[in-house]
C-alpha atoms as a PDB file:
ATOM      1  CA  UNK A   1     -13.200  21.116   6.529  1.00  0.00           C
ATOM      2  CA  UNK A   2     -16.463  20.733   4.645  1.00  0.00           C
ATOM      3  CA  UNK A   3     -17.720  17.249   3.818  1.00  0.00           C
ATOM      4  CA  UNK A   4     -17.472  16.129   0.220  1.00  0.00           C
ATOM      5  CA  UNK A   5     -21.210  16.076  -0.573  1.00  0.00           C
ATOM      6  CA  UNK A   6     -21.783  19.629   0.656  1.00  0.00           C
ATOM      7  CA  UNK A   7     -18.701  20.811  -1.193  1.00  0.00           C
ATOM      8  CA  UNK A   8     -19.941  19.254  -4.427  1.00  0.00           C
ATOM      9  CA  UNK A   9     -23.380  20.814  -3.938  1.00  0.00           C
ATOM     10  CA  UNK A  10     -21.708  24.213  -3.617  1.00  0.00           C
ATOM     11  CA  UNK A  11     -19.677  23.539  -6.771  1.00  0.00           C
ATOM     12  CA  UNK A  12     -22.856  22.521  -8.576  1.00  0.00           C
ATOM     13  CA  UNK A  13     -24.312  25.866  -7.532  1.00  0.00           C
ATOM     14  CA  UNK A  14     -21.346  27.560  -9.232  1.00  0.00           C
ATOM     15  CA  UNK A  15     -19.372  28.534  -6.103  1.00  0.00           C
ATOM     16  CA  UNK A  16     -15.741  29.148  -7.222  1.00  0.00           C
ATOM     17  CA  UNK A  17     -14.273  28.403  -3.771  1.00  0.00           C
ATOM     18  CA  UNK A  18     -15.899  24.967  -3.846  1.00  0.00           C
ATOM     19  CA  UNK A  19     -14.205  24.183  -7.165  1.00  0.00           C
ATOM     20  CA  UNK A  20     -10.897  25.356  -5.719  1.00  0.00           C
ATOM     21  CA  UNK A  21     -11.327  23.073  -2.720  1.00  0.00           C
ATOM     22  CA  UNK A  22     -12.242  20.079  -4.898  1.00  0.00           C
ATOM     23  CA  UNK A  23      -9.176  20.780  -7.013  1.00  0.00           C
ATOM     24  CA  UNK A  24      -6.965  21.015  -3.915  1.00  0.00           C
ATOM     25  CA  UNK A  25      -8.349  17.753  -2.515  1.00  0.00           C
ATOM     26  CA  UNK A  26      -8.135  15.637  -5.641  1.00  0.00           C
ATOM     27  CA  UNK A  27      -5.502  17.138  -7.937  1.00  0.00           C
ATOM     28  CA  UNK A  28      -2.607  15.028  -6.666  1.00  0.00           C
ATOM     29  CA  UNK A  29      -4.538  11.740  -6.869  1.00  0.00           C
ATOM     30  CA  UNK A  30      -5.765  12.456 -10.407  1.00  0.00           C
ATOM     31  CA  UNK A  31      -2.349  13.653 -11.565  1.00  0.00           C
ATOM     32  CA  UNK A  32      -0.598  10.579 -10.133  1.00  0.00           C
ATOM     33  CA  UNK A  33      -3.136   8.246 -11.721  1.00  0.00           C
ATOM     34  CA  UNK A  34      -2.657   9.870 -15.116  1.00  0.00           C
ATOM     35  CA  UNK A  35       1.124  10.186 -14.769  1.00  0.00           C
ATOM     36  CA  UNK A  36       1.611   6.459 -14.205  1.00  0.00           C
ATOM     37  CA  UNK A  37      -0.545   5.711 -17.219  1.00  0.00           C
ATOM     38  CA  UNK A  38       1.066   8.115 -19.707  1.00  0.00           C
ATOM     39  CA  UNK A  39       4.603   8.384 -18.299  1.00  0.00           C
ATOM     40  CA  UNK A  40       5.233  12.020 -19.187  1.00  0.00           C
ATOM     41  CA  UNK A  41       4.967  14.912 -16.736  1.00  0.00           C
ATOM     42  CA  UNK A  42       3.842  17.624 -19.194  1.00  0.00           C
ATOM     43  CA  UNK A  43       1.235  15.331 -20.708  1.00  0.00           C
ATOM     44  CA  UNK A  44       0.018  14.256 -17.266  1.00  0.00           C
ATOM     45  CA  UNK A  45      -0.279  17.918 -16.271  1.00  0.00           C
ATOM     46  CA  UNK A  46      -2.248  18.712 -19.428  1.00  0.00           C
ATOM     47  CA  UNK A  47      -4.598  15.762 -19.022  1.00  0.00           C
ATOM     48  CA  UNK A  48      -5.090  16.555 -15.331  1.00  0.00           C
ATOM     49  CA  UNK A  49      -6.079  20.084 -16.303  1.00  0.00           C
ATOM     50  CA  UNK A  50      -8.474  18.616 -18.843  1.00  0.00           C
ATOM     51  CA  UNK A  51     -10.051  16.449 -16.127  1.00  0.00           C
ATOM     52  CA  UNK A  52     -10.773  19.443 -13.930  1.00  0.00           C
ATOM     53  CA  UNK A  53     -11.979  21.456 -16.894  1.00  0.00           C
ATOM     54  CA  UNK A  54     -14.499  18.694 -17.554  1.00  0.00           C
ATOM     55  CA  UNK A  55     -15.425  18.635 -13.877  1.00  0.00           C
ATOM     56  CA  UNK A  56     -16.295  22.334 -14.062  1.00  0.00           C
ATOM     57  CA  UNK A  57     -18.425  21.732 -17.165  1.00  0.00           C
ATOM     58  CA  UNK A  58     -20.055  18.502 -15.967  1.00  0.00           C
ATOM     59  CA  UNK A  59     -20.299  18.863 -12.176  1.00  0.00           C
ATOM     60  CA  UNK A  60     -24.065  19.240 -12.488  1.00  0.00           C
ATOM     61  CA  UNK A  61     -24.277  15.614 -13.715  1.00  0.00           C
ATOM     62  CA  UNK A  62     -22.658  14.053 -10.649  1.00  0.00           C
ATOM     63  CA  UNK A  63     -24.994  12.576  -8.045  1.00  0.00           C
ATOM     64  CA  UNK A  64     -23.978  11.248  -4.611  1.00  0.00           C
ATOM     65  CA  UNK A  65     -25.440   7.830  -5.423  1.00  0.00           C
ATOM     66  CA  UNK A  66     -23.503   5.040  -7.076  1.00  0.00           C
ATOM     67  CA  UNK A  67     -19.905   6.121  -7.619  1.00  0.00           C
ATOM     68  CA  UNK A  68     -17.821   8.028  -5.083  1.00  0.00           C
ATOM     69  CA  UNK A  69     -16.607  11.369  -6.395  1.00  0.00           C
ATOM     70  CA  UNK A  70     -13.001  10.161  -6.716  1.00  0.00           C
ATOM     71  CA  UNK A  71     -14.185   7.223  -8.842  1.00  0.00           C
ATOM     72  CA  UNK A  72     -15.968   9.693 -11.112  1.00  0.00           C
ATOM     73  CA  UNK A  73     -12.714  11.654 -11.438  1.00  0.00           C
ATOM     74  CA  UNK A  74     -10.778   8.466 -12.250  1.00  0.00           C
ATOM     75  CA  UNK A  75     -13.372   7.594 -14.884  1.00  0.00           C
ATOM     76  CA  UNK A  76     -12.955  10.990 -16.537  1.00  0.00           C
ATOM     77  CA  UNK A  77      -9.163  10.687 -16.302  1.00  0.00           C
ATOM     78  CA  UNK A  78      -9.189   7.158 -17.694  1.00  0.00           C
ATOM     79  CA  UNK A  79     -11.351   8.207 -20.635  1.00  0.00           C
ATOM     80  CA  UNK A  80      -9.014  11.103 -21.411  1.00  0.00           C
ATOM     81  CA  UNK A  81      -5.987   8.801 -21.276  1.00  0.00           C
ATOM     82  CA  UNK A  82      -7.692   6.299 -23.572  1.00  0.00           C
ATOM     83  CA  UNK A  83      -8.628   9.045 -26.026  1.00  0.00           C
ATOM     84  CA  UNK A  84      -5.081  10.401 -25.969  1.00  0.00           C
ATOM     85  CA  UNK A  85      -3.644   6.899 -26.422  1.00  0.00           C
ATOM     86  CA  UNK A  86      -5.849   6.267 -29.412  1.00  0.00           C
ATOM     87  CA  UNK A  87      -4.562   9.489 -30.948  1.00  0.00           C
ATOM     88  CA  UNK A  88      -0.942   8.695 -30.139  1.00  0.00           C
ATOM     89  CA  UNK A  89      -1.276   4.913 -30.494  1.00  0.00           C
ATOM     90  CA  UNK A  90       1.172   4.260 -27.632  1.00  0.00           C
ATOM     91  CA  UNK A  91       1.681   4.546 -23.870  1.00  0.00           C
ATOM     92  CA  UNK A  92       5.002   4.889 -22.077  1.00  0.00           C
ATOM     93  CA  UNK A  93       5.329   3.812 -18.442  1.00  0.00           C
ATOM     94  CA  UNK A  94       7.676   5.229 -15.870  1.00  0.00           C
ATOM     95  CA  UNK A  95       9.120   3.636 -12.769  1.00  0.00           C
ATOM     96  CA  UNK A  96       6.740   3.331  -9.837  1.00  0.00           C
ATOM     97  CA  UNK A  97       8.939   5.563  -7.707  1.00  0.00           C
ATOM     98  CA  UNK A  98      10.253   8.523  -9.668  1.00  0.00           C
ATOM     99  CA  UNK A  99      12.064  10.011  -6.680  1.00  0.00           C
ATOM    100  CA  UNK A 100      15.816   9.965  -6.863  1.00  0.00           C
ATOM    101  CA  UNK A 101      16.494  10.396  -3.143  1.00  0.00           C
ATOM    102  CA  UNK A 102      16.066   7.571  -0.654  1.00  0.00           C
ATOM    103  CA  UNK A 103      16.744   9.014   2.782  1.00  0.00           C
ATOM    104  CA  UNK A 104      19.327   7.238   4.864  1.00  0.00           C
ATOM    105  CA  UNK A 105      20.342   4.724   2.203  1.00  0.00           C
ATOM    106  CA  UNK A 106      23.823   4.249   0.859  1.00  0.00           C
ATOM    107  CA  UNK A 107      24.500   4.977  -2.788  1.00  0.00           C
ATOM    108  CA  UNK A 108      24.537   1.240  -3.575  1.00  0.00           C
ATOM    109  CA  UNK A 109      21.182   0.758  -1.821  1.00  0.00           C
ATOM    110  CA  UNK A 110      19.747   3.680  -3.789  1.00  0.00           C
ATOM    111  CA  UNK A 111      20.974   2.183  -7.058  1.00  0.00           C
ATOM    112  CA  UNK A 112      19.579  -1.224  -6.119  1.00  0.00           C
ATOM    113  CA  UNK A 113      16.164   0.254  -5.322  1.00  0.00           C
ATOM    114  CA  UNK A 114      16.158   2.227  -8.554  1.00  0.00           C
ATOM    115  CA  UNK A 115      16.972  -0.894 -10.583  1.00  0.00           C
ATOM    116  CA  UNK A 116      14.207  -2.879  -8.858  1.00  0.00           C
ATOM    117  CA  UNK A 117      11.754  -0.051  -9.501  1.00  0.00           C
ATOM    118  CA  UNK A 118      12.684  -0.003 -13.181  1.00  0.00           C
ATOM    119  CA  UNK A 119      12.170  -3.765 -13.407  1.00  0.00           C
ATOM    120  CA  UNK A 120       8.707  -3.373 -11.887  1.00  0.00           C
ATOM    121  CA  UNK A 121       7.869  -0.602 -14.347  1.00  0.00           C
ATOM    122  CA  UNK A 122       8.985  -2.797 -17.246  1.00  0.00           C
ATOM    123  CA  UNK A 123       6.897  -5.651 -15.865  1.00  0.00           C
ATOM    124  CA  UNK A 124       3.857  -3.356 -15.668  1.00  0.00           C
ATOM    125  CA  UNK A 125       4.216  -2.762 -19.405  1.00  0.00           C
ATOM    126  CA  UNK A 126       3.586  -6.471 -19.940  1.00  0.00           C
ATOM    127  CA  UNK A 127       0.249  -6.484 -18.089  1.00  0.00           C
ATOM    128  CA  UNK A 128      -3.112  -5.849 -19.681  1.00  0.00           C
ATOM    129  CA  UNK A 129      -4.544  -2.328 -19.473  1.00  0.00           C
ATOM    130  CA  UNK A 130      -7.078  -3.421 -16.822  1.00  0.00           C
ATOM    131  CA  UNK A 131      -4.394  -5.130 -14.750  1.00  0.00           C
ATOM    132  CA  UNK A 132      -2.236  -1.971 -14.854  1.00  0.00           C
ATOM    133  CA  UNK A 133      -5.221   0.145 -13.805  1.00  0.00           C
ATOM    134  CA  UNK A 134      -5.945  -2.106 -10.839  1.00  0.00           C
ATOM    135  CA  UNK A 135      -2.302  -2.111  -9.715  1.00  0.00           C
ATOM    136  CA  UNK A 136      -2.059   1.685 -10.021  1.00  0.00           C
ATOM    137  CA  UNK A 137      -5.340   2.386  -8.238  1.00  0.00           C
ATOM    138  CA  UNK A 138      -4.994  -0.256  -5.518  1.00  0.00           C
ATOM    139  CA  UNK A 139      -1.305   0.079  -4.671  1.00  0.00           C
ATOM    140  CA  UNK A 140      -0.133   3.502  -5.835  1.00  0.00           C
ATOM    141  CA  UNK A 141      -3.359   5.373  -5.121  1.00  0.00           C
ATOM    142  CA  UNK A 142      -4.275   3.059  -2.214  1.00  0.00           C
ATOM    143  CA  UNK A 143      -7.924   2.998  -3.236  1.00  0.00           C
ATOM    144  CA  UNK A 144     -10.402   0.460  -1.866  1.00  0.00           C
ATOM    145  CA  UNK A 145     -11.559  -2.475  -3.953  1.00  0.00           C
ATOM    146  CA  UNK A 146     -15.025  -0.895  -4.140  1.00  0.00           C
ATOM    147  CA  UNK A 147     -13.688   2.444  -5.392  1.00  0.00           C
ATOM    148  CA  UNK A 148     -11.560   0.697  -8.020  1.00  0.00           C
ATOM    149  CA  UNK A 149     -14.526  -1.441  -9.077  1.00  0.00           C
ATOM    150  CA  UNK A 150     -16.695   1.605  -9.568  1.00  0.00           C
ATOM    151  CA  UNK A 151     -13.954   3.501 -11.396  1.00  0.00           C
ATOM    152  CA  UNK A 152     -13.358   0.648 -13.820  1.00  0.00           C
ATOM    153  CA  UNK A 153     -16.988  -0.459 -14.037  1.00  0.00           C
ATOM    154  CA  UNK A 154     -16.586  -3.954 -12.603  1.00  0.00           C
ATOM    155  CA  UNK A 155     -17.749  -5.797  -9.518  1.00  0.00           C
ATOM    156  CA  UNK A 156     -15.688  -6.035  -6.326  1.00  0.00           C
ATOM    157  CA  UNK A 157     -15.169  -9.758  -6.978  1.00  0.00           C
ATOM    158  CA  UNK A 158     -13.901  -9.020 -10.502  1.00  0.00           C
ATOM    159  CA  UNK A 159     -11.417  -6.469  -9.151  1.00  0.00           C
ATOM    160  CA  UNK A 160     -10.136  -8.934  -6.532  1.00  0.00           C
ATOM    161  CA  UNK A 161      -9.686 -11.570  -9.215  1.00  0.00           C
ATOM    162  CA  UNK A 162      -8.068  -9.094 -11.612  1.00  0.00           C
ATOM    163  CA  UNK A 163      -5.752  -7.907  -8.815  1.00  0.00           C
ATOM    164  CA  UNK A 164      -4.752 -11.491  -7.982  1.00  0.00           C
ATOM    165  CA  UNK A 165      -4.032 -12.250 -11.658  1.00  0.00           C
ATOM    166  CA  UNK A 166      -2.062  -9.009 -12.035  1.00  0.00           C
ATOM    167  CA  UNK A 167       0.053  -9.720  -8.946  1.00  0.00           C
ATOM    168  CA  UNK A 168       0.717 -13.287 -10.096  1.00  0.00           C
ATOM    169  CA  UNK A 169       1.626 -12.070 -13.579  1.00  0.00           C
ATOM    170  CA  UNK A 170       3.971  -9.443 -12.118  1.00  0.00           C
ATOM    171  CA  UNK A 171       5.577 -12.093  -9.905  1.00  0.00           C
ATOM    172  CA  UNK A 172       6.154 -14.433 -12.895  1.00  0.00           C
ATOM    173  CA  UNK A 173       7.555 -11.627 -15.040  1.00  0.00           C
ATOM    174  CA  UNK A 174       9.871 -10.395 -12.282  1.00  0.00           C
ATOM    175  CA  UNK A 175      11.060 -13.911 -11.416  1.00  0.00           C
ATOM    176  CA  UNK A 176      11.818 -14.501 -15.090  1.00  0.00           C
ATOM    177  CA  UNK A 177      13.832 -11.254 -15.111  1.00  0.00           C
ATOM    178  CA  UNK A 178      15.686 -12.303 -11.956  1.00  0.00           C
ATOM    179  CA  UNK A 179      14.240  -9.577  -9.735  1.00  0.00           C
ATOM    180  CA  UNK A 180      13.730 -10.135  -6.022  1.00  0.00           C
ATOM    181  CA  UNK A 181      10.018 -10.687  -5.416  1.00  0.00           C
END
């Protein structure tokens, strides 16, 4: 497997296989990030396509200094989501775990998990946009604090503080709703 910097250099040179590899590596992460922000599969698919279309057009502007490549992709995705939201003037959120099957669990356990997931999704709706972004990137995408900071344009310390506030806010909201925290 080729390292990321060499792969990007090949893509910048117009090599189609390099673009295919970048797409294969990052499509799922970008799609998931967008999906949990817009809450609709077809829209998330469209916006993800738009991200990679912009990557093809703008790959020549990316430099291996400053932001990691994935942070650049999240920035593009975030801007597209914001632009779409401004046009639509609303965002819908879906449960954190959209999967219906929980292996090995009884039906009652599955229902309980689904209800808890829905409560968390509703609680996410009550956070600020930045808090939601941090929660999605840190816990769903499992990105580092540094990557999240670069994607959002804040310092590592700001992200840690924002994450702490978001977690505390989620805890208060869920406790108020009677969810197990």
